[in-house]
């Protein structure tokens, strides 16, 4: 089976328009084939068992980076097809090495997750005698969910990696491979807090994800998004692409600016927290949320690049 997958990869599909605002008005800012010098850079990213021969399969693949003139998203025009994605996340990335790395960093990540979830909880109004529902979409090895459980939230995860789903069973935390299966098993629960930590840069169509999550959120809920910081440079160099960073080939398909994130929110039924939006929706925010805490989140998102908060306001 593995041999068959290797024979069928790498294959890519083309995105004909911006994946956020669907505009076809974009510039191509980088267009190169992967030659030996780029393979050498990729092998510094993927330092796993058998990585040299696995990375070598991508030689001569095209890397095309576009800039949307409408919303300023920077994105890979060519994205891996399903077989290639499976290969990237199961063969190019070694699961055991990834797990060990997570365990080394988990104490600090747990503390950050704990503080984040407390901050998000503090924005919500209401009687919390009933447990808050928290969904971590793309939960990985589950540090955020462990912090959620420690805070006595009703915590649920979405994760496609079978190894990571199995890992969370050890901690008695429910994790499903898709929103569809979550709805089937949990009966379409209304979620109070949703977290997407370093997820949206990986997905081919971020609008679909946020629209699906909009259907799950409680009308008094909140969504937290973290993505790699935006690359502001008008010209994009190989040194900015072939490195662990916002436009890392094969994995980081989208590089979000605040403008593109605002477009994404609007298209999928959310409102991105910011000074202008807060002004327009001040009455709704004051009625549904702890207003001072929302102001603090806005300040935090403006200071901390790549951090965004969204509300399900109409």
Protein backbone atom coordinates (compact mmCIF):
# COMPACT_ATOMS: atom_id res chain seq x y z
CA UNK A 1 0.00 0.00 0.00
CA UNK A 2 2.83 2.41 0.93
CA UNK A 3 4.52 1.62 -2.37
CA UNK A 4 1.32 2.49 -4.24
CA UNK A 5 1.04 5.82 -2.39
CA UNK A 6 4.67 6.67 -3.21
CA UNK A 7 4.06 5.97 -6.89
CA UNK A 8 1.09 8.36 -6.89
CA UNK A 9 2.84 11.27 -5.17
CA UNK A 10 3.60 14.06 -5.25
CA UNK A 11 0.52 15.35 -7.00
CA UNK A 12 -0.94 18.81 -6.59
CA UNK A 13 -4.18 20.54 -7.45
CA UNK A 14 -4.49 24.15 -8.51
CA UNK A 15 -6.46 26.77 -6.63
CA UNK A 16 -7.86 29.05 -9.36
CA UNK A 17 -8.71 31.93 -7.02
CA UNK A 18 -7.95 33.31 -3.58
CA UNK A 19 -9.15 30.73 -1.00
CA UNK A 20 -10.40 33.51 1.31
CA UNK A 21 -12.25 36.07 -0.86
CA UNK A 22 -12.39 34.03 -4.13
CA UNK A 23 -10.94 36.89 -6.14
CA UNK A 24 -9.00 35.98 -9.29
CA UNK A 25 -7.17 39.28 -9.14
CA UNK A 26 -3.81 38.16 -7.80
CA UNK A 27 -0.10 38.44 -8.58
CA UNK A 28 2.37 35.58 -8.65
CA UNK A 29 5.20 36.57 -6.31
CA UNK A 30 7.28 33.36 -6.48
CA UNK A 31 7.39 30.61 -9.10
CA UNK A 32 10.19 28.04 -8.98
CA UNK A 33 10.76 24.33 -9.37
CA UNK A 34 12.30 22.47 -6.44
CA UNK A 35 15.94 21.95 -7.43
CA UNK A 36 18.76 20.49 -5.34
CA UNK A 37 19.44 23.69 -3.36
CA UNK A 38 15.79 23.82 -2.33
CA UNK A 39 15.79 20.11 -1.48
CA UNK A 40 18.71 20.77 0.86
CA UNK A 41 16.67 23.49 2.60
CA UNK A 42 13.64 21.20 2.86
CA UNK A 43 15.75 18.48 4.45
CA UNK A 44 16.64 20.93 7.22
CA UNK A 45 12.90 21.25 7.93
CA UNK A 46 12.10 17.53 7.81
CA UNK A 47 14.80 16.02 10.02
CA UNK A 48 13.08 12.68 10.48
CA UNK A 49 13.88 9.05 9.78
CA UNK A 50 14.11 8.43 6.00
CA UNK A 51 13.51 12.14 5.42
CA UNK A 52 16.18 12.46 2.71
CA UNK A 53 14.60 9.95 0.36
CA UNK A 54 11.06 11.11 1.17
CA UNK A 55 11.85 14.79 0.53
CA UNK A 56 13.67 13.82 -2.68
CA UNK A 57 10.33 12.67 -4.14
CA UNK A 58 9.33 16.35 -4.37
CA UNK A 59 12.19 17.30 -6.68
CA UNK A 60 10.94 19.24 -9.74
CA UNK A 61 7.62 20.07 -8.03
CA UNK A 62 6.47 23.65 -8.62
CA UNK A 63 6.15 26.13 -5.78
CA UNK A 64 3.93 29.07 -6.75
CA UNK A 65 3.15 31.81 -4.21
CA UNK A 66 0.36 34.27 -5.01
CA UNK A 67 -0.67 37.60 -3.51
CA UNK A 68 -4.39 38.48 -3.54
CA UNK A 69 -4.86 42.14 -4.52
CA UNK A 70 -8.30 42.19 -2.93
CA UNK A 71 -7.67 40.82 0.60
CA UNK A 72 -3.82 40.61 0.68
CA UNK A 73 -3.70 36.89 1.47
CA UNK A 74 -0.49 35.19 0.34
CA UNK A 75 -1.11 31.60 -0.66
CA UNK A 76 0.26 28.54 -2.42
CA UNK A 77 -1.48 28.19 -5.75
CA UNK A 78 -0.65 24.46 -5.93
CA UNK A 79 -1.77 22.39 -2.94
CA UNK A 80 -1.18 18.68 -2.24
CA UNK A 81 -3.93 16.26 -3.26
CA UNK A 82 -5.33 13.83 -0.65
CA UNK A 83 -2.72 11.08 -1.23
CA UNK A 84 0.14 13.56 -1.10
CA UNK A 85 -1.24 15.12 2.09
CA UNK A 86 -1.49 11.68 3.66
CA UNK A 87 2.13 11.01 2.72
CA UNK A 88 3.28 14.36 4.14
CA UNK A 89 1.59 13.85 7.50
CA UNK A 90 2.35 10.13 7.92
CA UNK A 91 5.70 9.60 6.15
CA UNK A 92 7.41 12.95 5.65
CA UNK A 93 6.61 13.84 9.29
CA UNK A 94 7.53 11.13 11.79
CA UNK A 95 4.78 10.67 14.38
CA UNK A 96 6.99 9.41 17.22
CA UNK A 97 9.48 12.26 16.81
CA UNK A 98 6.61 14.75 16.78
CA UNK A 99 5.17 13.22 19.95
CA UNK A 100 8.50 13.34 21.80
CA UNK A 101 8.97 16.98 20.81
CA UNK A 102 5.49 17.81 22.11
CA UNK A 103 6.20 16.09 25.43
CA UNK A 104 9.37 18.15 25.89
CA UNK A 105 7.49 21.40 25.30
CA UNK A 106 4.23 20.42 26.99
CA UNK A 107 4.70 22.11 30.42
CA UNK A 108 5.08 25.55 28.83
CA UNK A 109 2.35 24.88 26.24
CA UNK A 110 0.00 23.69 29.00
CA UNK A 111 0.54 26.90 30.97
CA UNK A 112 -0.13 29.05 27.89
CA UNK A 113 -3.24 27.02 27.02
CA UNK A 114 -4.53 27.29 30.60
CA UNK A 115 -4.12 31.08 30.62
CA UNK A 116 -5.70 31.43 27.17
CA UNK A 117 -8.78 29.40 28.12
CA UNK A 118 -9.20 31.39 31.35
CA UNK A 119 -8.98 34.59 29.29
CA UNK A 120 -11.61 33.34 26.85
CA UNK A 121 -13.90 32.19 29.67
CA UNK A 122 -13.67 35.63 31.30
CA UNK A 123 -15.25 37.26 28.21
CA UNK A 124 -18.46 35.23 28.49
CA UNK A 125 -21.51 36.30 30.45
CA UNK A 126 -23.80 33.78 32.07
CA UNK A 127 -24.25 31.20 34.78
CA UNK A 128 -21.43 28.65 34.57
CA UNK A 129 -22.96 26.10 36.95
CA UNK A 130 -23.28 24.07 33.76
CA UNK A 131 -19.93 23.15 32.25
CA UNK A 132 -18.72 25.24 29.33
CA UNK A 133 -18.38 23.35 26.05
CA UNK A 134 -14.95 23.74 24.47
CA UNK A 135 -13.93 22.49 21.02
CA UNK A 136 -10.27 22.44 19.97
CA UNK A 137 -10.21 22.05 16.19
CA UNK A 138 -6.95 20.46 15.03
CA UNK A 139 -6.02 19.46 18.57
CA UNK A 140 -2.81 17.59 17.70
CA UNK A 141 -1.33 15.84 20.76
CA UNK A 142 -3.97 17.48 22.92
CA UNK A 143 -2.21 19.94 25.25
CA UNK A 144 -5.02 22.49 24.87
CA UNK A 145 -7.62 19.85 25.70
CA UNK A 146 -5.69 18.73 28.79
CA UNK A 147 -5.77 22.34 30.03
CA UNK A 148 -9.47 22.48 29.19
CA UNK A 149 -10.17 19.33 31.21
CA UNK A 150 -8.16 20.75 34.12
CA UNK A 151 -10.46 23.81 34.05
CA UNK A 152 -13.45 21.44 34.22
CA UNK A 153 -14.70 22.31 30.73
CA UNK A 154 -16.61 19.77 28.69
CA UNK A 155 -13.78 19.38 26.17
CA UNK A 156 -13.94 17.86 22.67
CA UNK A 157 -11.35 17.71 19.91
CA UNK A 158 -11.25 17.40 16.13
CA UNK A 159 -8.12 15.79 14.68
CA UNK A 160 -7.47 13.80 11.50
CA UNK A 161 -4.29 12.05 12.67
CA UNK A 162 -5.17 8.53 13.86
CA UNK A 163 -2.12 8.43 16.16
CA UNK A 164 -3.17 11.65 17.85
CA UNK A 165 -6.81 10.56 18.18
CA UNK A 166 -5.67 7.30 19.83
CA UNK A 167 -3.33 9.22 22.13
CA UNK A 168 -6.20 11.31 23.53
CA UNK A 169 -8.13 8.17 24.53
CA UNK A 170 -5.45 7.66 27.21
CA UNK A 171 -6.65 10.90 28.84
CA UNK A 172 -10.37 10.10 28.53
CA UNK A 173 -10.91 13.04 26.16
CA UNK A 174 -13.28 12.68 23.21
CA UNK A 175 -11.66 13.43 19.84
CA UNK A 176 -13.28 12.92 16.43
CA UNK A 177 -11.84 13.00 12.93
CA UNK A 178 -14.39 15.47 11.52
CA UNK A 179 -17.22 17.84 12.44
CA UNK A 180 -19.65 15.46 10.73
CA UNK A 181 -18.69 12.60 13.06
CA UNK A 182 -18.75 14.96 16.05
CA UNK A 183 -22.34 15.90 15.21
CA UNK A 184 -23.33 12.25 14.76
CA UNK A 185 -21.81 11.21 18.11
CA UNK A 186 -22.60 14.28 20.22
CA UNK A 187 -25.92 15.39 18.70
CA UNK A 188 -24.82 18.77 17.29
CA UNK A 189 -23.70 20.34 20.59
CA UNK A 190 -23.58 24.11 20.98
CA UNK A 191 -20.02 25.16 21.76
CA UNK A 192 -19.09 28.11 24.00
CA UNK A 193 -15.37 28.33 23.18
CA UNK A 194 -13.66 27.19 19.97
CA UNK A 195 -9.89 27.23 19.54
CA UNK A 196 -7.93 26.86 16.29
CA UNK A 197 -4.28 26.95 17.21
CA UNK A 198 -1.96 26.90 14.16
CA UNK A 199 -4.58 25.21 11.95
CA UNK A 200 -5.98 27.54 9.26
CA UNK A 201 -2.63 27.93 7.49
CA UNK A 202 -2.80 24.19 6.71
CA UNK A 203 -6.24 23.96 5.09
CA UNK A 204 -7.10 24.23 1.40
CA UNK A 205 -10.44 25.99 1.95
CA UNK A 206 -10.57 27.92 5.25
CA UNK A 207 -14.07 29.26 4.46
CA UNK A 208 -15.58 25.78 4.78
CA UNK A 209 -13.98 25.25 8.18
CA UNK A 210 -15.21 28.56 9.61
CA UNK A 211 -18.71 28.11 8.16
CA UNK A 212 -18.98 24.67 9.79
CA UNK A 213 -17.74 26.05 13.10
CA UNK A 214 -20.23 28.92 12.86
CA UNK A 215 -23.01 26.31 12.90
CA UNK A 216 -21.63 24.83 16.13
CA UNK A 217 -20.98 27.98 18.15
CA UNK A 218 -23.28 29.17 20.91
CA UNK A 219 -24.65 32.64 20.04
CA UNK A 220 -22.79 33.96 23.11
CA UNK A 221 -19.61 32.05 22.27
CA UNK A 222 -16.13 33.03 21.11
CA UNK A 223 -13.60 31.75 18.57
CA UNK A 224 -9.82 32.01 19.02
CA UNK A 225 -7.50 31.69 16.02
CA UNK A 226 -3.72 31.58 15.96
CA UNK A 227 -1.73 31.49 12.71
CA UNK A 228 1.90 32.26 11.78
CA UNK A 229 2.60 36.01 11.47
CA UNK A 230 2.08 37.63 8.08
CA UNK A 231 5.01 38.18 5.72
CA UNK A 232 4.75 41.86 4.78
CA UNK A 233 7.50 41.91 2.15
CA UNK A 234 6.21 42.65 -1.34
CA UNK A 235 8.83 40.34 -2.87
CA UNK A 236 9.03 36.83 -1.43
CA UNK A 237 12.37 35.04 -1.44
CA UNK A 238 13.29 31.36 -1.28
CA UNK A 239 14.81 31.98 2.16
CA UNK A 240 11.34 32.98 3.42
CA UNK A 241 9.64 29.94 1.86
CA UNK A 242 11.99 26.98 2.35
CA UNK A 243 12.12 27.30 6.12
CA UNK A 244 9.86 26.53 9.07
CA UNK A 245 7.62 29.56 8.73
CA UNK A 246 4.40 31.10 7.38
CA UNK A 247 4.77 29.78 3.79
CA UNK A 248 6.56 26.48 4.47
CA UNK A 249 5.96 24.24 1.41
CA UNK A 250 3.40 21.42 1.52
CA UNK A 251 2.05 22.32 4.98
CA UNK A 252 1.51 26.09 5.31
CA UNK A 253 -0.76 26.84 2.37
CA UNK A 254 -2.11 30.25 3.50
CA UNK A 255 -0.41 33.32 5.00
CA UNK A 256 -3.04 35.59 6.59
CA UNK A 257 -2.99 39.35 6.97
CA UNK A 258 -5.52 41.11 9.21
CA UNK A 259 -7.36 42.20 6.05
CA UNK A 260 -7.62 38.63 4.76
CA UNK A 261 -8.76 37.39 8.18
CA UNK A 262 -11.46 40.08 8.23
CA UNK A 263 -12.65 38.92 4.79
CA UNK A 264 -12.66 35.31 5.97
CA UNK A 265 -14.76 36.21 9.01
CA UNK A 266 -17.27 38.16 6.92
CA UNK A 267 -17.63 35.37 4.33
CA UNK A 268 -18.24 32.70 6.96
CA UNK A 269 -20.66 34.46 9.31
CA UNK A 270 -18.26 35.77 11.97
CA UNK A 271 -17.09 39.21 13.07
CA UNK A 272 -13.38 39.75 13.60
CA UNK A 273 -12.69 41.67 16.80
CA UNK A 274 -10.97 44.99 16.16
CA UNK A 275 -11.44 48.69 17.02
CA UNK A 276 -13.72 49.48 14.06
CA UNK A 277 -15.89 46.37 14.46
CA UNK A 278 -16.21 46.94 18.20
CA UNK A 279 -17.55 50.45 17.50
CA UNK A 280 -20.19 49.16 15.08
CA UNK A 281 -21.39 46.35 17.36
CA UNK A 282 -20.94 47.97 20.74
CA UNK A 283 -24.53 47.32 21.91
CA UNK A 284 -24.51 43.62 20.97
CA UNK A 285 -21.08 43.09 22.50
CA UNK A 286 -22.06 44.91 25.71
CA UNK A 287 -25.23 42.80 25.99
CA UNK A 288 -23.64 39.40 25.31
CA UNK A 289 -20.06 39.68 26.61
CA UNK A 290 -17.94 41.20 29.35
CA UNK A 291 -17.12 44.40 27.50
CA UNK A 292 -13.87 45.28 29.28
CA UNK A 293 -12.50 41.77 28.64
CA UNK A 294 -13.40 42.11 24.94
CA UNK A 295 -11.46 45.40 24.77
CA UNK A 296 -8.45 43.62 26.29
CA UNK A 297 -8.71 40.89 23.65
CA UNK A 298 -8.73 43.51 20.90
CA UNK A 299 -5.58 45.09 22.30
CA UNK A 300 -3.96 41.66 22.62
CA UNK A 301 -4.76 40.76 19.01
CA UNK A 302 -3.26 44.02 17.74
CA UNK A 303 -0.04 43.47 19.70
CA UNK A 304 0.35 39.71 19.21
CA UNK A 305 0.81 39.13 15.47
CA UNK A 306 -1.11 36.15 14.10
CA UNK A 307 -3.66 36.17 16.96
CA UNK A 308 -7.35 36.78 16.19
CA UNK A 309 -10.66 36.59 18.04
CA UNK A 310 -14.06 36.25 16.38
CA UNK A 311 -17.65 36.53 17.61
CA UNK A 312 -20.82 35.06 16.07
CA UNK A 313 -22.59 38.41 15.85
CA UNK A 314 -25.05 39.07 13.04
